[in-house]
Structure formats: C-alpha cells, structure tokens
Amino acid sequence: MPITIGKKPESSFADPLGLLSDCHRRIEHFLGLLITVTTQARGGALSGEQREALEAALRYFREAAPKHKEDEERSLFPRMRESRDEQVRAVLDTIATLEEDHGVVDRGHAEADALLDRWLIEGPLLESDVRRLVAVLEELQAIYRRHIAIEDHDVFPLAGRILDRSAIAALGHEMATRRGLTGYVR
C-alpha cells in the first residue's frame, strides 16, 4: 500500500460516511478548478491544460456528483428520518434545507454547464457571459461551502452515532451498487 504524506487516505464503502466526506473534497477541488480556469482565462482562448481541467471538472459534476446527491437523498437522509433519536428530530429541518440546496446547485450547474460547453465548443465567450459564469460559480462555491460544513461537522457525525452497523453497511452497499460495483460485499 502506498504511503501518502499530508493527505488522509480515502475511505471505502465500509466507511460510507467517510466516503461521503471524501466526495466533498472532490467537489471543492473540481469547483476550484472551474473557478481558477474561468478567472485566469476570462472567457478567452483556452490552453490545453485549461481545457482538460474544465472537461475533467464538468465530467465530475455530470457523472459522480449526482451519485453523491442520491447517496444522501435516497440512502442516508431517509435512514436518519426513520430514527427515533431526539438528536435527529432536532436536525430534520436542516436535512430538508440540505435537500433544497441540492436543487439550487443543480440549477446553478445547469447554467454554468451551458456557458462552459459554449466556451469549449464555440470558443471565446462574451464579457457578459464571463461575468455571469463567474457569478454563478461563486454562488455555487458559497452554497457548497455552507452545505458541506453542515454535513461534515453536524449531519455525518450524527449519522455515525445514531445509525447501527447494519444501517451503515446497507448505506455502503447502496453507494457501491449506485456506482456499478455489484461485487461489493457488506
């Protein structure tokens, strides 16, 4: 096993809550790429490296991020709602807000994707499109920053305390299955 200095090893499906948090690091990374390339290139001609970064980030948000959302909305949050634990009752409104955030970021990504696709396919963007793209990406960053902080610091630790081993194992199994990893065993 390789040793990585300075970086926490990624979690596995045996630790699905850790895996969800790891996904947050990828969201932050790929959103950061979108913002960096957009602010550097300002809608102009893209270098090969910038083009690759945009394409990788778009691919992540189109393919992997929706699975993360499903992990939360179809697997984690319903299990938490089923709990009779008093601590969960206190965060149900927060969970509802997190689900609303998912819809807001979906709409933001749709708008950003359209502008980014145009940039990648047709070439340089108008200055008004660049301003809008930067604004949308900054709005997404602000939403993600708040959303991720709540999940990483409040929701996931609470889930780890209130969900039993079988619920955690089932969560990991569902996450693996969602990714086509049918050979995963609980």
C-alpha atoms as a PDB file:
ATOM      1  CA  MET A   1       0.000   0.000   0.000  1.00  0.00           C
ATOM      2  CA  PRO A   2       1.495   3.370  -0.984  1.00  0.00           C
ATOM      3  CA  ILE A   3       2.103   5.911   1.740  1.00  0.00           C
ATOM      4  CA  THR A   4       0.716   9.358   1.085  1.00  0.00           C
ATOM      5  CA  ILE A   5       2.188  12.097   3.235  1.00  0.00           C
ATOM      6  CA  GLY A   6      -0.055  15.001   4.145  1.00  0.00           C
ATOM      7  CA  LYS A   7      -3.268  13.546   2.783  1.00  0.00           C
ATOM      8  CA  LYS A   8      -5.883  11.482   4.561  1.00  0.00           C
ATOM      9  CA  PRO A   9      -6.372   8.120   2.856  1.00  0.00           C
ATOM     10  CA  GLU A  10      -9.676   7.805   1.063  1.00  0.00           C
ATOM     11  CA  SER A  11     -12.439   5.952   2.812  1.00  0.00           C
ATOM     12  CA  SER A  12     -14.047   2.815   1.457  1.00  0.00           C
ATOM     13  CA  PHE A  13     -17.624   1.617   1.144  1.00  0.00           C
ATOM     14  CA  ALA A  14     -17.114   0.026   4.571  1.00  0.00           C
ATOM     15  CA  ASP A  15     -16.979   3.631   5.841  1.00  0.00           C
ATOM     16  CA  PRO A  16     -19.672   5.268   3.714  1.00  0.00           C
ATOM     17  CA  LEU A  17     -19.877   8.402   5.854  1.00  0.00           C
ATOM     18  CA  GLY A  18     -16.156   8.937   5.360  1.00  0.00           C
ATOM     19  CA  LEU A  19     -16.629   8.304   1.654  1.00  0.00           C
ATOM     20  CA  LEU A  20     -19.346  10.979   1.509  1.00  0.00           C
ATOM     21  CA  SER A  21     -16.972  13.417   3.182  1.00  0.00           C
ATOM     22  CA  ASP A  22     -14.185  12.448   0.751  1.00  0.00           C
ATOM     23  CA  CYS A  23     -16.588  13.295  -2.059  1.00  0.00           C
ATOM     24  CA  HIS A  24     -16.905  16.784  -0.582  1.00  0.00           C
ATOM     25  CA  ARG A  25     -13.158  17.240  -1.063  1.00  0.00           C
ATOM     26  CA  ARG A  26     -13.582  16.319  -4.727  1.00  0.00           C
ATOM     27  CA  ILE A  27     -16.486  18.771  -5.099  1.00  0.00           C
ATOM     28  CA  GLU A  28     -14.310  21.520  -3.613  1.00  0.00           C
ATOM     29  CA  HIS A  29     -11.400  20.550  -5.868  1.00  0.00           C
ATOM     30  CA  PHE A  30     -13.351  20.455  -9.115  1.00  0.00           C
ATOM     31  CA  LEU A  31     -15.310  23.622  -8.349  1.00  0.00           C
ATOM     32  CA  GLY A  32     -11.984  25.269  -7.568  1.00  0.00           C
ATOM     33  CA  LEU A  33     -10.707  24.183 -10.990  1.00  0.00           C
ATOM     34  CA  LEU A  34     -13.733  25.733 -12.691  1.00  0.00           C
ATOM     35  CA  ILE A  35     -13.242  28.999 -10.825  1.00  0.00           C
ATOM     36  CA  THR A  36      -9.477  29.120 -11.369  1.00  0.00           C
ATOM     37  CA  VAL A  37      -9.648  28.471 -15.111  1.00  0.00           C
ATOM     38  CA  THR A  38     -12.548  30.882 -15.572  1.00  0.00           C
ATOM     39  CA  THR A  39     -10.848  33.712 -13.685  1.00  0.00           C
ATOM     40  CA  GLN A  40      -7.492  33.095 -15.396  1.00  0.00           C
ATOM     41  CA  ALA A  41      -8.729  32.736 -18.976  1.00  0.00           C
ATOM     42  CA  ARG A  42     -11.609  35.237 -18.641  1.00  0.00           C
ATOM     43  CA  GLY A  43     -13.533  33.511 -21.432  1.00  0.00           C
ATOM     44  CA  GLY A  44     -10.656  33.747 -23.894  1.00  0.00           C
ATOM     45  CA  ALA A  45      -8.736  31.047 -25.735  1.00  0.00           C
ATOM     46  CA  LEU A  46      -8.001  28.036 -23.539  1.00  0.00           C
ATOM     47  CA  SER A  47      -4.642  26.337 -23.210  1.00  0.00           C
ATOM     48  CA  GLY A  48      -4.637  22.545 -23.478  1.00  0.00           C
ATOM     49  CA  GLU A  49      -4.224  22.283 -19.708  1.00  0.00           C
ATOM     50  CA  GLN A  50      -7.121  24.662 -19.038  1.00  0.00           C
ATOM     51  CA  ARG A  51      -9.350  22.769 -21.472  1.00  0.00           C
ATOM     52  CA  GLU A  52      -8.502  19.457 -19.782  1.00  0.00           C
ATOM     53  CA  ALA A  53      -9.230  20.936 -16.346  1.00  0.00           C
ATOM     54  CA  LEU A  54     -12.634  22.250 -17.464  1.00  0.00           C
ATOM     55  CA  GLU A  55     -13.533  18.953 -19.119  1.00  0.00           C
ATOM     56  CA  ALA A  56     -12.495  16.929 -16.042  1.00  0.00           C
ATOM     57  CA  ALA A  57     -14.491  19.173 -13.721  1.00  0.00           C
ATOM     58  CA  LEU A  58     -17.562  19.053 -15.964  1.00  0.00           C
ATOM     59  CA  ARG A  59     -17.294  15.265 -16.170  1.00  0.00           C
ATOM     60  CA  TYR A  60     -17.084  15.024 -12.376  1.00  0.00           C
ATOM     61  CA  PHE A  61     -20.152  17.216 -11.812  1.00  0.00           C
ATOM     62  CA  ARG A  62     -22.135  15.395 -14.515  1.00  0.00           C
ATOM     63  CA  GLU A  63     -21.249  11.810 -13.572  1.00  0.00           C
ATOM     64  CA  ALA A  64     -20.068  11.499  -9.968  1.00  0.00           C
ATOM     65  CA  ALA A  65     -21.755  14.380  -8.149  1.00  0.00           C
ATOM     66  CA  PRO A  66     -25.308  13.177  -8.958  1.00  0.00           C
ATOM     67  CA  LYS A  67     -24.467   9.836  -7.317  1.00  0.00           C
ATOM     68  CA  HIS A  68     -23.348  11.692  -4.197  1.00  0.00           C
ATOM     69  CA  LYS A  69     -26.666  13.522  -4.111  1.00  0.00           C
ATOM     70  CA  GLU A  70     -28.533  10.215  -4.463  1.00  0.00           C
ATOM     71  CA  ASP A  71     -26.374   8.713  -1.696  1.00  0.00           C
ATOM     72  CA  GLU A  72     -27.659  11.401   0.614  1.00  0.00           C
ATOM     73  CA  GLU A  73     -31.254  11.757  -0.572  1.00  0.00           C
ATOM     74  CA  ARG A  74     -32.064   8.090  -1.228  1.00  0.00           C
ATOM     75  CA  SER A  75     -29.858   6.321   1.293  1.00  0.00           C
ATOM     76  CA  LEU A  76     -28.604   8.473   4.179  1.00  0.00           C
ATOM     77  CA  PHE A  77     -31.340  11.030   4.845  1.00  0.00           C
ATOM     78  CA  PRO A  78     -34.215   8.510   4.784  1.00  0.00           C
ATOM     79  CA  ARG A  79     -32.386   6.348   7.337  1.00  0.00           C
ATOM     80  CA  MET A  80     -31.861   9.355   9.540  1.00  0.00           C
ATOM     81  CA  ARG A  81     -35.518  10.347   9.256  1.00  0.00           C
ATOM     82  CA  GLU A  82     -36.529   6.836  10.356  1.00  0.00           C
ATOM     83  CA  SER A  83     -34.522   7.206  13.556  1.00  0.00           C
ATOM     84  CA  ARG A  84     -36.397   7.975  16.715  1.00  0.00           C
ATOM     85  CA  ASP A  85     -33.310   9.587  18.214  1.00  0.00           C
ATOM     86  CA  GLU A  86     -34.067  13.032  19.648  1.00  0.00           C
ATOM     87  CA  GLN A  87     -30.905  14.498  18.111  1.00  0.00           C
ATOM     88  CA  VAL A  88     -32.186  13.617  14.640  1.00  0.00           C
ATOM     89  CA  ARG A  89     -35.527  15.271  15.314  1.00  0.00           C
ATOM     90  CA  ALA A  90     -33.611  18.469  16.024  1.00  0.00           C
ATOM     91  CA  VAL A  91     -31.890  18.424  12.604  1.00  0.00           C
ATOM     92  CA  LEU A  92     -34.788  17.402  10.348  1.00  0.00           C
ATOM     93  CA  ASP A  93     -35.262  20.997   9.190  1.00  0.00           C
ATOM     94  CA  THR A  94     -31.546  21.150   8.423  1.00  0.00           C
ATOM     95  CA  ILE A  95     -31.791  17.975   6.347  1.00  0.00           C
ATOM     96  CA  ALA A  96     -34.724  19.471   4.422  1.00  0.00           C
ATOM     97  CA  THR A  97     -32.618  22.586   3.745  1.00  0.00           C
ATOM     98  CA  LEU A  98     -29.737  20.422   2.525  1.00  0.00           C
ATOM     99  CA  GLU A  99     -32.097  18.717   0.070  1.00  0.00           C
ATOM    100  CA  GLU A 100     -33.285  22.130  -1.139  1.00  0.00           C
ATOM    101  CA  ASP A 101     -29.631  23.089  -1.654  1.00  0.00           C
ATOM    102  CA  HIS A 102     -29.269  20.116  -3.999  1.00  0.00           C
ATOM    103  CA  GLY A 103     -31.925  21.592  -6.280  1.00  0.00           C
ATOM    104  CA  VAL A 104     -30.334  25.035  -6.149  1.00  0.00           C
ATOM    105  CA  VAL A 105     -26.882  23.700  -7.074  1.00  0.00           C
ATOM    106  CA  ASP A 106     -28.395  21.572  -9.844  1.00  0.00           C
ATOM    107  CA  ARG A 107     -29.841  24.726 -11.412  1.00  0.00           C
ATOM    108  CA  GLY A 108     -26.553  26.592 -10.925  1.00  0.00           C
ATOM    109  CA  HIS A 109     -24.597  23.787 -12.538  1.00  0.00           C
ATOM    110  CA  ALA A 110     -27.017  23.675 -15.473  1.00  0.00           C
ATOM    111  CA  GLU A 111     -26.416  27.369 -16.149  1.00  0.00           C
ATOM    112  CA  ALA A 112     -22.643  27.080 -15.685  1.00  0.00           C
ATOM    113  CA  ASP A 113     -22.527  23.943 -17.848  1.00  0.00           C
ATOM    114  CA  ALA A 114     -24.260  25.717 -20.734  1.00  0.00           C
ATOM    115  CA  LEU A 115     -21.732  28.560 -20.627  1.00  0.00           C
ATOM    116  CA  LEU A 116     -18.764  26.221 -20.185  1.00  0.00           C
ATOM    117  CA  ASP A 117     -19.938  23.975 -23.028  1.00  0.00           C
ATOM    118  CA  ARG A 118     -20.285  27.001 -25.294  1.00  0.00           C
ATOM    119  CA  TRP A 119     -16.774  28.092 -24.338  1.00  0.00           C
ATOM    120  CA  LEU A 120     -15.322  24.636 -25.003  1.00  0.00           C
ATOM    121  CA  ILE A 121     -17.203  24.099 -28.275  1.00  0.00           C
ATOM    122  CA  GLU A 122     -17.533  27.549 -29.844  1.00  0.00           C
ATOM    123  CA  GLY A 123     -14.519  29.353 -28.398  1.00  0.00           C
ATOM    124  CA  PRO A 124     -14.210  32.649 -26.518  1.00  0.00           C
ATOM    125  CA  LEU A 125     -17.158  33.946 -24.526  1.00  0.00           C
ATOM    126  CA  LEU A 126     -18.613  37.443 -24.475  1.00  0.00           C
ATOM    127  CA  GLU A 127     -17.571  39.513 -21.454  1.00  0.00           C
ATOM    128  CA  SER A 128     -21.190  39.469 -20.195  1.00  0.00           C
ATOM    129  CA  ASP A 129     -21.151  35.646 -20.317  1.00  0.00           C
ATOM    130  CA  VAL A 130     -17.850  35.567 -18.420  1.00  0.00           C
ATOM    131  CA  ARG A 131     -19.277  37.845 -15.710  1.00  0.00           C
ATOM    132  CA  ARG A 132     -22.339  35.618 -15.414  1.00  0.00           C
ATOM    133  CA  LEU A 133     -20.234  32.455 -15.303  1.00  0.00           C
ATOM    134  CA  VAL A 134     -18.025  33.864 -12.549  1.00  0.00           C
ATOM    135  CA  ALA A 135     -21.111  34.949 -10.590  1.00  0.00           C
ATOM    136  CA  VAL A 136     -22.747  31.511 -10.907  1.00  0.00           C
ATOM    137  CA  LEU A 137     -19.553  29.705  -9.886  1.00  0.00           C
ATOM    138  CA  GLU A 138     -19.089  31.993  -6.887  1.00  0.00           C
ATOM    139  CA  GLU A 139     -22.720  31.405  -5.868  1.00  0.00           C
ATOM    140  CA  LEU A 140     -22.140  27.653  -6.124  1.00  0.00           C
ATOM    141  CA  GLN A 141     -18.984  27.957  -4.048  1.00  0.00           C
ATOM    142  CA  ALA A 142     -20.829  29.842  -1.297  1.00  0.00           C
ATOM    143  CA  ILE A 143     -23.661  27.298  -1.216  1.00  0.00           C
ATOM    144  CA  TYR A 144     -21.274  24.338  -1.231  1.00  0.00           C
ATOM    145  CA  ARG A 145     -19.116  25.883   1.499  1.00  0.00           C
ATOM    146  CA  ARG A 146     -22.084  26.206   3.866  1.00  0.00           C
ATOM    147  CA  HIS A 147     -23.686  22.928   2.799  1.00  0.00           C
ATOM    148  CA  ILE A 148     -20.508  20.873   3.156  1.00  0.00           C
ATOM    149  CA  ALA A 149     -19.674  22.394   6.536  1.00  0.00           C
ATOM    150  CA  ILE A 150     -23.097  21.396   7.900  1.00  0.00           C
ATOM    151  CA  GLU A 151     -22.833  17.853   6.550  1.00  0.00           C
ATOM    152  CA  ASP A 152     -19.209  17.244   7.553  1.00  0.00           C
ATOM    153  CA  HIS A 153     -19.474  18.794  11.011  1.00  0.00           C
ATOM    154  CA  ASP A 154     -23.053  18.037  12.031  1.00  0.00           C
ATOM    155  CA  VAL A 155     -25.001  15.590   9.878  1.00  0.00           C
ATOM    156  CA  PHE A 156     -22.414  12.889   9.102  1.00  0.00           C
ATOM    157  CA  PRO A 157     -21.092  12.674  12.694  1.00  0.00           C
ATOM    158  CA  LEU A 158     -24.683  12.453  13.972  1.00  0.00           C
ATOM    159  CA  ALA A 159     -25.448   9.699  11.449  1.00  0.00           C
ATOM    160  CA  GLY A 160     -22.360   7.851  12.666  1.00  0.00           C
ATOM    161  CA  ARG A 161     -23.673   7.987  16.236  1.00  0.00           C
ATOM    162  CA  ILE A 162     -27.294   7.051  15.608  1.00  0.00           C
ATOM    163  CA  LEU A 163     -27.150   4.544  12.746  1.00  0.00           C
ATOM    164  CA  ASP A 164     -26.331   0.976  13.727  1.00  0.00           C
ATOM    165  CA  ARG A 165     -23.752  -1.178  11.976  1.00  0.00           C
ATOM    166  CA  SER A 166     -26.267  -2.834   9.678  1.00  0.00           C
ATOM    167  CA  ALA A 167     -27.635   0.544   8.544  1.00  0.00           C
ATOM    168  CA  ILE A 168     -24.101   1.801   7.870  1.00  0.00           C
ATOM    169  CA  ALA A 169     -23.288  -1.410   5.962  1.00  0.00           C
ATOM    170  CA  ALA A 170     -26.501  -1.086   3.921  1.00  0.00           C
ATOM    171  CA  LEU A 171     -25.629   2.542   3.153  1.00  0.00           C
ATOM    172  CA  GLY A 172     -22.192   1.483   1.885  1.00  0.00           C
ATOM    173  CA  HIS A 173     -23.712  -1.325  -0.170  1.00  0.00           C
ATOM    174  CA  GLU A 174     -26.232   1.022  -1.808  1.00  0.00           C
ATOM    175  CA  MET A 175     -23.485   3.522  -2.589  1.00  0.00           C
ATOM    176  CA  ALA A 176     -21.338   0.812  -4.187  1.00  0.00           C
ATOM    177  CA  THR A 177     -24.288  -0.511  -6.197  1.00  0.00           C
ATOM    178  CA  ARG A 178     -25.081   3.030  -7.391  1.00  0.00           C
ATOM    179  CA  ARG A 179     -21.584   3.081  -8.869  1.00  0.00           C
ATOM    180  CA  GLY A 180     -21.964  -0.286 -10.549  1.00  0.00           C
ATOM    181  CA  LEU A 181     -19.767  -2.083  -8.026  1.00  0.00           C
ATOM    182  CA  THR A 182     -22.014  -5.108  -7.660  1.00  0.00           C
ATOM    183  CA  GLY A 183     -19.180  -7.279  -6.309  1.00  0.00           C
ATOM    184  CA  TYR A 184     -19.007  -5.183  -3.131  1.00  0.00           C
ATOM    185  CA  VAL A 185     -19.827  -7.289  -0.090  1.00  0.00           C
ATOM    186  CA  ARG A 186     -21.059  -5.798   3.169  1.00  0.00           C
END
